[in-house]
PDB file of all heavy atoms in Angstrom:
ATOM      1  N   ARG A   1      38.808 -77.761 103.049  1.00  0.00           N
ATOM      2  CA  ARG A   1      38.955 -76.751 102.000  1.00  0.00           C
ATOM      3  C   ARG A   1      37.828 -76.845 100.985  1.00  0.00           C
ATOM      4  O   ARG A   1      37.290 -75.824 100.533  1.00  0.00           O
ATOM      5  CB  ARG A   1      40.311 -76.900 101.296  1.00  0.00           C
ATOM      6  CG  ARG A   1      40.567 -75.861 100.215  1.00  0.00           C
ATOM      7  CD  ARG A   1      41.929 -76.064  99.586  1.00  0.00           C
ATOM      8  NE  ARG A   1      41.981 -77.241  98.753  1.00  0.00           N
ATOM      9  CZ  ARG A   1      41.648 -77.250  97.446  1.00  0.00           C
ATOM     10  NH1 ARG A   1      41.233 -76.146  96.863  1.00  0.00           N
ATOM     11  NH2 ARG A   1      41.742 -78.362  96.740  1.00  0.00           N
ATOM     12  N   LEU A   2      37.440 -78.062 100.622  1.00  0.00           N
ATOM     13  CA  LEU A   2      36.373 -78.250  99.642  1.00  0.00           C
ATOM     14  C   LEU A   2      35.001 -77.967 100.245  1.00  0.00           C
ATOM     15  O   LEU A   2      34.128 -77.394  99.590  1.00  0.00           O
ATOM     16  CB  LEU A   2      36.421 -79.677  99.075  1.00  0.00           C
ATOM     17  CG  LEU A   2      37.718 -80.050  98.352  1.00  0.00           C
ATOM     18  CD1 LEU A   2      37.642 -81.480  97.837  1.00  0.00           C
ATOM     19  CD2 LEU A   2      38.004 -79.094  97.201  1.00  0.00           C
ATOM     20  N   LEU A   3      34.806 -78.364 101.501  1.00  0.00           N
ATOM     21  CA  LEU A   3      33.529 -78.070 102.165  1.00  0.00           C
ATOM     22  C   LEU A   3      33.290 -76.565 102.234  1.00  0.00           C
ATOM     23  O   LEU A   3      32.143 -76.101 102.149  1.00  0.00           O
ATOM     24  CB  LEU A   3      33.510 -78.679 103.565  1.00  0.00           C
ATOM     25  CG  LEU A   3      33.440 -80.210 103.647  1.00  0.00           C
ATOM     26  CD1 LEU A   3      33.585 -80.662 105.100  1.00  0.00           C
ATOM     27  CD2 LEU A   3      32.139 -80.738 103.058  1.00  0.00           C
ATOM     28  N   ASP A   4      34.367 -75.806 102.369  1.00  0.00           N
ATOM     29  CA  ASP A   4      34.245 -74.350 102.451  1.00  0.00           C
ATOM     30  C   ASP A   4      33.777 -73.737 101.133  1.00  0.00           C
ATOM     31  O   ASP A   4      33.389 -72.564 101.100  1.00  0.00           O
ATOM     32  CB  ASP A   4      35.576 -73.727 102.868  1.00  0.00           C
ATOM     33  CG  ASP A   4      35.904 -73.972 104.338  1.00  0.00           C
ATOM     34  OD1 ASP A   4      34.998 -74.369 105.088  1.00  0.00           O
ATOM     35  OD2 ASP A   4      37.078 -73.781 104.723  1.00  0.00           O
ATOM     36  N   PHE A   5      33.806 -74.517 100.046  1.00  0.00           N
ATOM     37  CA  PHE A   5      33.265 -74.040  98.771  1.00  0.00           C
ATOM     38  C   PHE A   5      31.750 -73.840  98.846  1.00  0.00           C
ATOM     39  O   PHE A   5      31.178 -73.139  98.017  1.00  0.00           O
ATOM     40  CB  PHE A   5      33.563 -75.045  97.641  1.00  0.00           C
ATOM     41  CG  PHE A   5      34.983 -75.047  97.138  1.00  0.00           C
ATOM     42  CD1 PHE A   5      35.374 -75.949  96.158  1.00  0.00           C
ATOM     43  CD2 PHE A   5      35.939 -74.160  97.626  1.00  0.00           C
ATOM     44  CE1 PHE A   5      36.670 -75.963  95.675  1.00  0.00           C
ATOM     45  CE2 PHE A   5      37.241 -74.167  97.155  1.00  0.00           C
ATOM     46  CZ  PHE A   5      37.606 -75.069  96.172  1.00  0.00           C
ATOM     47  N   PHE A   6      31.104 -74.489  99.815  1.00  0.00           N
ATOM     48  CA  PHE A   6      29.642 -74.497  99.874  1.00  0.00           C
ATOM     49  C   PHE A   6      29.131 -74.026 101.239  1.00  0.00           C
ATOM     50  O   PHE A   6      28.537 -74.796 101.999  1.00  0.00           O
ATOM     51  CB  PHE A   6      29.111 -75.904  99.573  1.00  0.00           C
ATOM     52  CG  PHE A   6      29.468 -76.413  98.216  1.00  0.00           C
ATOM     53  CD1 PHE A   6      30.612 -77.186  98.023  1.00  0.00           C
ATOM     54  CD2 PHE A   6      28.686 -76.092  97.118  1.00  0.00           C
ATOM     55  CE1 PHE A   6      30.957 -77.641  96.759  1.00  0.00           C
ATOM     56  CE2 PHE A   6      29.026 -76.540  95.850  1.00  0.00           C
ATOM     57  CZ  PHE A   6      30.165 -77.311  95.669  1.00  0.00           C
ATOM     58  N   PRO A   7      29.347 -72.744 101.571  1.00  0.00           N
ATOM     59  CA  PRO A   7      28.876 -72.233 102.865  1.00  0.00           C
ATOM     60  C   PRO A   7      27.349 -72.236 102.972  1.00  0.00           C
ATOM     61  O   PRO A   7      26.804 -72.229 104.072  1.00  0.00           O
ATOM     62  CB  PRO A   7      29.431 -70.805 102.899  1.00  0.00           C
ATOM     63  CG  PRO A   7      29.602 -70.436 101.458  1.00  0.00           C
ATOM     64  CD  PRO A   7      30.011 -71.710 100.771  1.00  0.00           C
ATOM     65  N   GLU A   8      26.676 -72.268 101.831  1.00  0.00           N
ATOM     66  CA  GLU A   8      25.209 -72.234 101.838  1.00  0.00           C
ATOM     67  C   GLU A   8      24.576 -73.599 102.071  1.00  0.00           C
ATOM     68  O   GLU A   8      23.351 -73.703 102.227  1.00  0.00           O
ATOM     69  CB  GLU A   8      24.689 -71.643 100.511  1.00  0.00           C
ATOM     70  CG  GLU A   8      24.864 -72.545  99.284  1.00  0.00           C
ATOM     71  CD  GLU A   8      26.203 -72.411  98.582  1.00  0.00           C
ATOM     72  OE1 GLU A   8      27.230 -72.240  99.283  1.00  0.00           O
ATOM     73  OE2 GLU A   8      26.217 -72.492  97.341  1.00  0.00           O
ATOM     74  N   PHE A   9      25.393 -74.661 102.095  1.00  0.00           N
ATOM     75  CA  PHE A   9      24.836 -76.001 102.307  1.00  0.00           C
ATOM     76  C   PHE A   9      24.253 -76.100 103.715  1.00  0.00           C
ATOM     77  O   PHE A   9      24.922 -75.786 104.696  1.00  0.00           O
ATOM     78  CB  PHE A   9      25.923 -77.062 102.105  1.00  0.00           C
ATOM     79  CG  PHE A   9      25.425 -78.472 102.290  1.00  0.00           C
ATOM     80  CD1 PHE A   9      24.674 -79.089 101.312  1.00  0.00           C
ATOM     81  CD2 PHE A   9      25.695 -79.174 103.461  1.00  0.00           C
ATOM     82  CE1 PHE A   9      24.208 -80.384 101.483  1.00  0.00           C
ATOM     83  CE2 PHE A   9      25.236 -80.463 103.638  1.00  0.00           C
ATOM     84  CZ  PHE A   9      24.484 -81.077 102.652  1.00  0.00           C
ATOM     85  N   GLU A  10      23.008 -76.568 103.808  1.00  0.00           N
ATOM     86  CA  GLU A  10      22.306 -76.562 105.095  1.00  0.00           C
ATOM     87  C   GLU A  10      22.233 -77.917 105.780  1.00  0.00           C
ATOM     88  O   GLU A  10      21.767 -78.023 106.917  1.00  0.00           O
ATOM     89  CB  GLU A  10      20.876 -76.026 104.883  1.00  0.00           C
ATOM     90  CG  GLU A  10      20.847 -74.573 104.392  1.00  0.00           C
ATOM     91  CD  GLU A  10      19.438 -74.065 104.175  1.00  0.00           C
ATOM     92  OE1 GLU A  10      18.494 -74.898 104.204  1.00  0.00           O
ATOM     93  OE2 GLU A  10      19.265 -72.852 103.977  1.00  0.00           O
ATOM     94  N   GLY A  11      22.687 -78.969 105.109  1.00  0.00           N
ATOM     95  CA  GLY A  11      22.630 -80.298 105.711  1.00  0.00           C
ATOM     96  C   GLY A  11      23.835 -80.591 106.594  1.00  0.00           C
ATOM     97  O   GLY A  11      24.585 -79.686 106.984  1.00  0.00           O
ATOM     98  N   ARG A  12      24.033 -81.854 106.889  1.00  0.00           N
ATOM     99  CA  ARG A  12      25.147 -82.281 107.730  1.00  0.00           C
ATOM    100  C   ARG A  12      26.435 -82.337 106.911  1.00  0.00           C
ATOM    101  O   ARG A  12      26.442 -82.843 105.781  1.00  0.00           O
ATOM    102  CB  ARG A  12      24.861 -83.662 108.323  1.00  0.00           C
ATOM    103  CG  ARG A  12      26.003 -84.233 109.154  1.00  0.00           C
ATOM    104  CD  ARG A  12      25.702 -85.657 109.602  1.00  0.00           C
ATOM    105  NE  ARG A  12      26.853 -86.257 110.243  1.00  0.00           N
ATOM    106  CZ  ARG A  12      26.929 -87.554 110.596  1.00  0.00           C
ATOM    107  NH1 ARG A  12      25.881 -88.356 110.380  1.00  0.00           N
ATOM    108  NH2 ARG A  12      28.021 -88.027 111.160  1.00  0.00           N
ATOM    109  N   LYS A  13      27.508 -81.827 107.487  1.00  0.00           N
ATOM    110  CA  LYS A  13      28.811 -81.883 106.839  1.00  0.00           C
ATOM    111  C   LYS A  13      29.718 -82.855 107.592  1.00  0.00           C
ATOM    112  O   LYS A  13      29.764 -82.843 108.819  1.00  0.00           O
ATOM    113  CB  LYS A  13      29.470 -80.502 106.790  1.00  0.00           C
ATOM    114  CG  LYS A  13      28.802 -79.530 105.823  1.00  0.00           C
ATOM    115  CD  LYS A  13      29.596 -78.226 105.734  1.00  0.00           C
ATOM    116  CE  LYS A  13      28.985 -77.281 104.717  1.00  0.00           C
ATOM    117  NZ  LYS A  13      29.756 -76.015 104.589  1.00  0.00           N
ATOM    118  N   ILE A  14      30.430 -83.684 106.838  1.00  0.00           N
ATOM    119  CA  ILE A  14      31.404 -84.609 107.415  1.00  0.00           C
ATOM    120  C   ILE A  14      32.779 -84.250 106.864  1.00  0.00           C
ATOM    121  O   ILE A  14      33.008 -84.310 105.653  1.00  0.00           O
ATOM    122  CB  ILE A  14      31.062 -86.076 107.073  1.00  0.00           C
ATOM    123  CG1 ILE A  14      29.721 -86.473 107.688  1.00  0.00           C
ATOM    124  CG2 ILE A  14      32.171 -87.018 107.556  1.00  0.00           C
ATOM    125  CD1 ILE A  14      29.270 -87.879 107.335  1.00  0.00           C
ATOM    126  N   VAL A  15      33.679 -83.848 107.765  1.00  0.00           N
ATOM    127  CA  VAL A  15      35.035 -83.479 107.345  1.00  0.00           C
ATOM    128  C   VAL A  15      35.880 -84.742 107.222  1.00  0.00           C
ATOM    129  O   VAL A  15      36.003 -85.510 108.195  1.00  0.00           O
ATOM    130  CB  VAL A  15      35.680 -82.507 108.347  1.00  0.00           C
ATOM    131  CG1 VAL A  15      37.086 -82.125 107.888  1.00  0.00           C
ATOM    132  CG2 VAL A  15      34.817 -81.258 108.512  1.00  0.00           C
ATOM    133  N   VAL A  16      36.440 -84.973 106.043  1.00  0.00           N
ATOM    134  CA  VAL A  16      37.290 -86.137 105.809  1.00  0.00           C
ATOM    135  C   VAL A  16      38.743 -85.710 106.012  1.00  0.00           C
ATOM    136  O   VAL A  16      39.273 -84.876 105.276  1.00  0.00           O
ATOM    137  CB  VAL A  16      37.093 -86.692 104.387  1.00  0.00           C
ATOM    138  CG1 VAL A  16      38.032 -87.876 104.157  1.00  0.00           C
ATOM    139  CG2 VAL A  16      35.642 -87.096 104.176  1.00  0.00           C
ATOM    140  N   ARG A  17      39.388 -86.250 107.035  1.00  0.00           N
ATOM    141  CA  ARG A  17      40.791 -85.931 107.319  1.00  0.00           C
ATOM    142  C   ARG A  17      41.691 -87.120 106.999  1.00  0.00           C
ATOM    143  O   ARG A  17      42.651 -87.018 106.276  1.00  0.00           O
ATOM    144  CB  ARG A  17      40.937 -85.525 108.790  1.00  0.00           C
ATOM    145  CG  ARG A  17      40.217 -84.219 109.142  1.00  0.00           C
ATOM    146  CD  ARG A  17      40.557 -83.768 110.560  1.00  0.00           C
ATOM    147  NE  ARG A  17      39.946 -82.490 110.891  1.00  0.00           N
ATOM    148  CZ  ARG A  17      38.747 -82.353 111.418  1.00  0.00           C
ATOM    149  NH1 ARG A  17      38.004 -83.438 111.678  1.00  0.00           N
ATOM    150  NH2 ARG A  17      38.251 -81.148 111.688  1.00  0.00           N
ATOM    151  N   SER A  18      41.387 -88.252 107.565  1.00  0.00           N
ATOM    152  CA  SER A  18      42.159 -89.475 107.333  1.00  0.00           C
ATOM    153  C   SER A  18      41.233 -90.654 107.611  1.00  0.00           C
ATOM    154  O   SER A  18      40.043 -90.472 107.903  1.00  0.00           O
ATOM    155  CB  SER A  18      43.396 -89.518 108.244  1.00  0.00           C
ATOM    156  OG  SER A  18      43.005 -89.477 109.599  1.00  0.00           O
ATOM    157  N   GLY A  19      41.749 -91.862 107.518  1.00  0.00           N
ATOM    158  CA  GLY A  19      40.914 -93.033 107.757  1.00  0.00           C
ATOM    159  C   GLY A  19      39.770 -93.122 106.767  1.00  0.00           C
ATOM    160  O   GLY A  19      38.611 -93.280 107.146  1.00  0.00           O
ATOM    161  N   ILE A  20      40.127 -93.025 105.480  1.00  0.00           N
ATOM    162  CA  ILE A  20      39.104 -92.937 104.439  1.00  0.00           C
ATOM    163  C   ILE A  20      38.206 -94.169 104.400  1.00  0.00           C
ATOM    164  O   ILE A  20      37.014 -94.074 104.120  1.00  0.00           O
ATOM    165  CB  ILE A  20      39.761 -92.698 103.060  1.00  0.00           C
ATOM    166  CG1 ILE A  20      38.693 -92.362 102.015  1.00  0.00           C
ATOM    167  CG2 ILE A  20      40.599 -93.896 102.634  1.00  0.00           C
ATOM    168  CD1 ILE A  20      37.936 -91.108 102.296  1.00  0.00           C
ATOM    169  N   LEU A  21      38.736 -95.347 104.717  1.00  0.00           N
ATOM    170  CA  LEU A  21      37.921 -96.562 104.685  1.00  0.00           C
ATOM    171  C   LEU A  21      36.829 -96.515 105.751  1.00  0.00           C
ATOM    172  O   LEU A  21      35.700 -96.971 105.521  1.00  0.00           O
ATOM    173  CB  LEU A  21      38.806 -97.801 104.873  1.00  0.00           C
ATOM    174  CG  LEU A  21      39.811 -98.070 103.744  1.00  0.00           C
ATOM    175  CD1 LEU A  21      40.634 -99.318 104.049  1.00  0.00           C
ATOM    176  CD2 LEU A  21      39.092 -98.231 102.400  1.00  0.00           C
ATOM    177  N   GLU A  22      37.166 -95.956 106.915  1.00  0.00           N
ATOM    178  CA  GLU A  22      36.163 -95.819 107.974  1.00  0.00           C
ATOM    179  C   GLU A  22      35.074 -94.832 107.565  1.00  0.00           C
ATOM    180  O   GLU A  22      33.884 -95.039 107.839  1.00  0.00           O
ATOM    181  CB  GLU A  22      36.824 -95.353 109.276  1.00  0.00           C
ATOM    182  CG  GLU A  22      37.705 -96.392 109.959  1.00  0.00           C
ATOM    183  CD  GLU A  22      39.087 -96.511 109.330  1.00  0.00           C
ATOM    184  OE1 GLU A  22      39.380 -95.741 108.388  1.00  0.00           O
ATOM    185  OE2 GLU A  22      39.874 -97.364 109.781  1.00  0.00           O
ATOM    186  N   VAL A  23      35.480 -93.763 106.882  1.00  0.00           N
ATOM    187  CA  VAL A  23      34.509 -92.765 106.411  1.00  0.00           C
ATOM    188  C   VAL A  23      33.577 -93.387 105.379  1.00  0.00           C
ATOM    189  O   VAL A  23      32.359 -93.179 105.416  1.00  0.00           O
ATOM    190  CB  VAL A  23      35.238 -91.542 105.814  1.00  0.00           C
ATOM    191  CG1 VAL A  23      34.221 -90.586 105.162  1.00  0.00           C
ATOM    192  CG2 VAL A  23      36.030 -90.821 106.879  1.00  0.00           C
ATOM    193  N   ILE A  24      34.135 -94.154 104.463  1.00  0.00           N
ATOM    194  CA  ILE A  24      33.310 -94.810 103.445  1.00  0.00           C
ATOM    195  C   ILE A  24      32.312 -95.756 104.093  1.00  0.00           C
ATOM    196  O   ILE A  24      31.140 -95.829 103.702  1.00  0.00           O
ATOM    197  CB  ILE A  24      34.196 -95.565 102.432  1.00  0.00           C
ATOM    198  CG1 ILE A  24      34.982 -94.557 101.581  1.00  0.00           C
ATOM    199  CG2 ILE A  24      33.354 -96.476 101.542  1.00  0.00           C
ATOM    200  CD1 ILE A  24      35.975 -95.195 100.632  1.00  0.00           C
ATOM    201  N   SER A  25      32.752 -96.488 105.119  1.00  0.00           N
ATOM    202  CA  SER A  25      31.861 -97.401 105.829  1.00  0.00           C
ATOM    203  C   SER A  25      30.699 -96.643 106.461  1.00  0.00           C
ATOM    204  O   SER A  25      29.541 -97.076 106.388  1.00  0.00           O
ATOM    205  CB  SER A  25      32.646 -98.165 106.897  1.00  0.00           C
ATOM    206  OG  SER A  25      31.807 -99.012 107.639  1.00  0.00           O
ATOM    207  N   GLU A  26      30.996 -95.488 107.066  1.00  0.00           N
ATOM    208  CA  GLU A  26      29.944 -94.673 107.683  1.00  0.00           C
ATOM    209  C   GLU A  26      28.983 -94.142 106.625  1.00  0.00           C
ATOM    210  O   GLU A  26      27.755 -94.170 106.802  1.00  0.00           O
ATOM    211  CB  GLU A  26      30.564 -93.512 108.451  1.00  0.00           C
ATOM    212  CG  GLU A  26      29.516 -92.618 109.119  1.00  0.00           C
ATOM    213  CD  GLU A  26      30.112 -91.409 109.818  1.00  0.00           C
ATOM    214  OE1 GLU A  26      31.353 -91.238 109.759  1.00  0.00           O
ATOM    215  OE2 GLU A  26      29.343 -90.642 110.408  1.00  0.00           O
ATOM    216  N   LEU A  27      29.531 -93.681 105.503  1.00  0.00           N
ATOM    217  CA  LEU A  27      28.693 -93.132 104.437  1.00  0.00           C
ATOM    218  C   LEU A  27      27.801 -94.208 103.822  1.00  0.00           C
ATOM    219  O   LEU A  27      26.654 -93.939 103.452  1.00  0.00           O
ATOM    220  CB  LEU A  27      29.560 -92.496 103.359  1.00  0.00           C
ATOM    221  CG  LEU A  27      30.336 -91.243 103.776  1.00  0.00           C
ATOM    222  CD1 LEU A  27      31.247 -90.773 102.643  1.00  0.00           C
ATOM    223  CD2 LEU A  27      29.385 -90.125 104.180  1.00  0.00           C
ATOM    224  N   LYS A  28      28.314 -95.424 103.743  1.00  0.00           N
ATOM    225  CA  LYS A  28      27.510 -96.523 103.201  1.00  0.00           C
ATOM    226  C   LYS A  28      26.287 -96.772 104.091  1.00  0.00           C
ATOM    227  O   LYS A  28      25.171 -97.004 103.592  1.00  0.00           O
ATOM    228  CB  LYS A  28      28.349 -97.787 103.071  1.00  0.00           C
ATOM    229  CG  LYS A  28      27.637 -98.917 102.314  1.00  0.00           C
ATOM    230  CD  LYS A  28      28.595-100.016 101.978  1.00  0.00           C
ATOM    231  CE  LYS A  28      27.888-101.155 101.240  1.00  0.00           C
ATOM    232  NZ  LYS A  28      27.335-100.706  99.945  1.00  0.00           N
ATOM    233  N   LYS A  29      26.488 -96.725 105.403  1.00  0.00           N
ATOM    234  CA  LYS A  29      25.363 -96.908 106.323  1.00  0.00           C
ATOM    235  C   LYS A  29      24.359 -95.764 106.184  1.00  0.00           C
ATOM    236  O   LYS A  29      23.148 -95.973 106.139  1.00  0.00           O
ATOM    237  CB  LYS A  29      25.871 -97.001 107.759  1.00  0.00           C
ATOM    238  CG  LYS A  29      26.714 -98.232 108.050  1.00  0.00           C
ATOM    239  CD  LYS A  29      27.292 -98.183 109.460  1.00  0.00           C
ATOM    240  CE  LYS A  29      28.207 -99.377 109.732  1.00  0.00           C
ATOM    241  NZ  LYS A  29      28.852 -99.282 111.075  1.00  0.00           N
ATOM    242  N   LEU A  30      24.872 -94.544 106.102  1.00  0.00           N
ATOM    243  CA  LEU A  30      24.001 -93.376 106.021  1.00  0.00           C
ATOM    244  C   LEU A  30      23.226 -93.334 104.706  1.00  0.00           C
ATOM    245  O   LEU A  30      22.120 -92.777 104.640  1.00  0.00           O
ATOM    246  CB  LEU A  30      24.838 -92.102 106.166  1.00  0.00           C
ATOM    247  CG  LEU A  30      25.458 -91.857 107.540  1.00  0.00           C
ATOM    248  CD1 LEU A  30      26.455 -90.693 107.469  1.00  0.00           C
ATOM    249  CD2 LEU A  30      24.388 -91.567 108.579  1.00  0.00           C
ATOM    250  N   SER A  31      23.794 -93.919 103.659  1.00  0.00           N
ATOM    251  CA  SER A  31      23.155 -93.857 102.336  1.00  0.00           C
ATOM    252  C   SER A  31      21.885 -94.687 102.237  1.00  0.00           C
ATOM    253  O   SER A  31      21.166 -94.594 101.244  1.00  0.00           O
ATOM    254  CB  SER A  31      24.149 -94.310 101.253  1.00  0.00           C
ATOM    255  OG  SER A  31      24.416 -95.705 101.367  1.00  0.00           O
ATOM    256  N   SER A  32      21.593 -95.476 103.263  1.00  0.00           N
ATOM    257  CA  SER A  32      20.366 -96.293 103.218  1.00  0.00           C
ATOM    258  C   SER A  32      19.115 -95.424 103.158  1.00  0.00           C
ATOM    259  O   SER A  32      18.100 -95.813 102.581  1.00  0.00           O
ATOM    260  CB  SER A  32      20.298 -97.218 104.435  1.00  0.00           C
ATOM    261  OG  SER A  32      20.245 -96.461 105.641  1.00  0.00           O
ATOM    262  N   ASN A  33      19.186 -94.213 103.735  1.00  0.00           N
ATOM    263  CA  ASN A  33      18.017 -93.336 103.695  1.00  0.00           C
ATOM    264  C   ASN A  33      18.380 -91.859 103.523  1.00  0.00           C
ATOM    265  O   ASN A  33      17.570 -90.976 103.780  1.00  0.00           O
ATOM    266  CB  ASN A  33      17.172 -93.501 104.967  1.00  0.00           C
ATOM    267  CG  ASN A  33      17.947 -93.199 106.237  1.00  0.00           C
ATOM    268  OD1 ASN A  33      19.120 -92.838 106.192  1.00  0.00           O
ATOM    269  ND2 ASN A  33      17.284 -93.339 107.367  1.00  0.00           N
ATOM    270  N   LYS A  34      19.643 -91.586 103.097  1.00  0.00           N
ATOM    271  CA  LYS A  34      20.071 -90.210 102.897  1.00  0.00           C
ATOM    272  C   LYS A  34      20.744 -90.061 101.532  1.00  0.00           C
ATOM    273  O   LYS A  34      21.383 -90.984 101.037  1.00  0.00           O
ATOM    274  CB  LYS A  34      21.076 -89.786 103.983  1.00  0.00           C
ATOM    275  CG  LYS A  34      20.555 -89.854 105.418  1.00  0.00           C
ATOM    276  CD  LYS A  34      19.527 -88.777 105.701  1.00  0.00           C
ATOM    277  CE  LYS A  34      19.118 -88.810 107.176  1.00  0.00           C
ATOM    278  NZ  LYS A  34      18.069 -87.789 107.481  1.00  0.00           N
TER     279      LYS A  34
END
């Protein structure tokens, strides 16, 4: 619902449904250069 607020966003979108700790772990890795 929140991602749909930004249809003009051109980068990668990650939908957060559940397993928030796993998502945070992935985002931490990606943040090294993004």
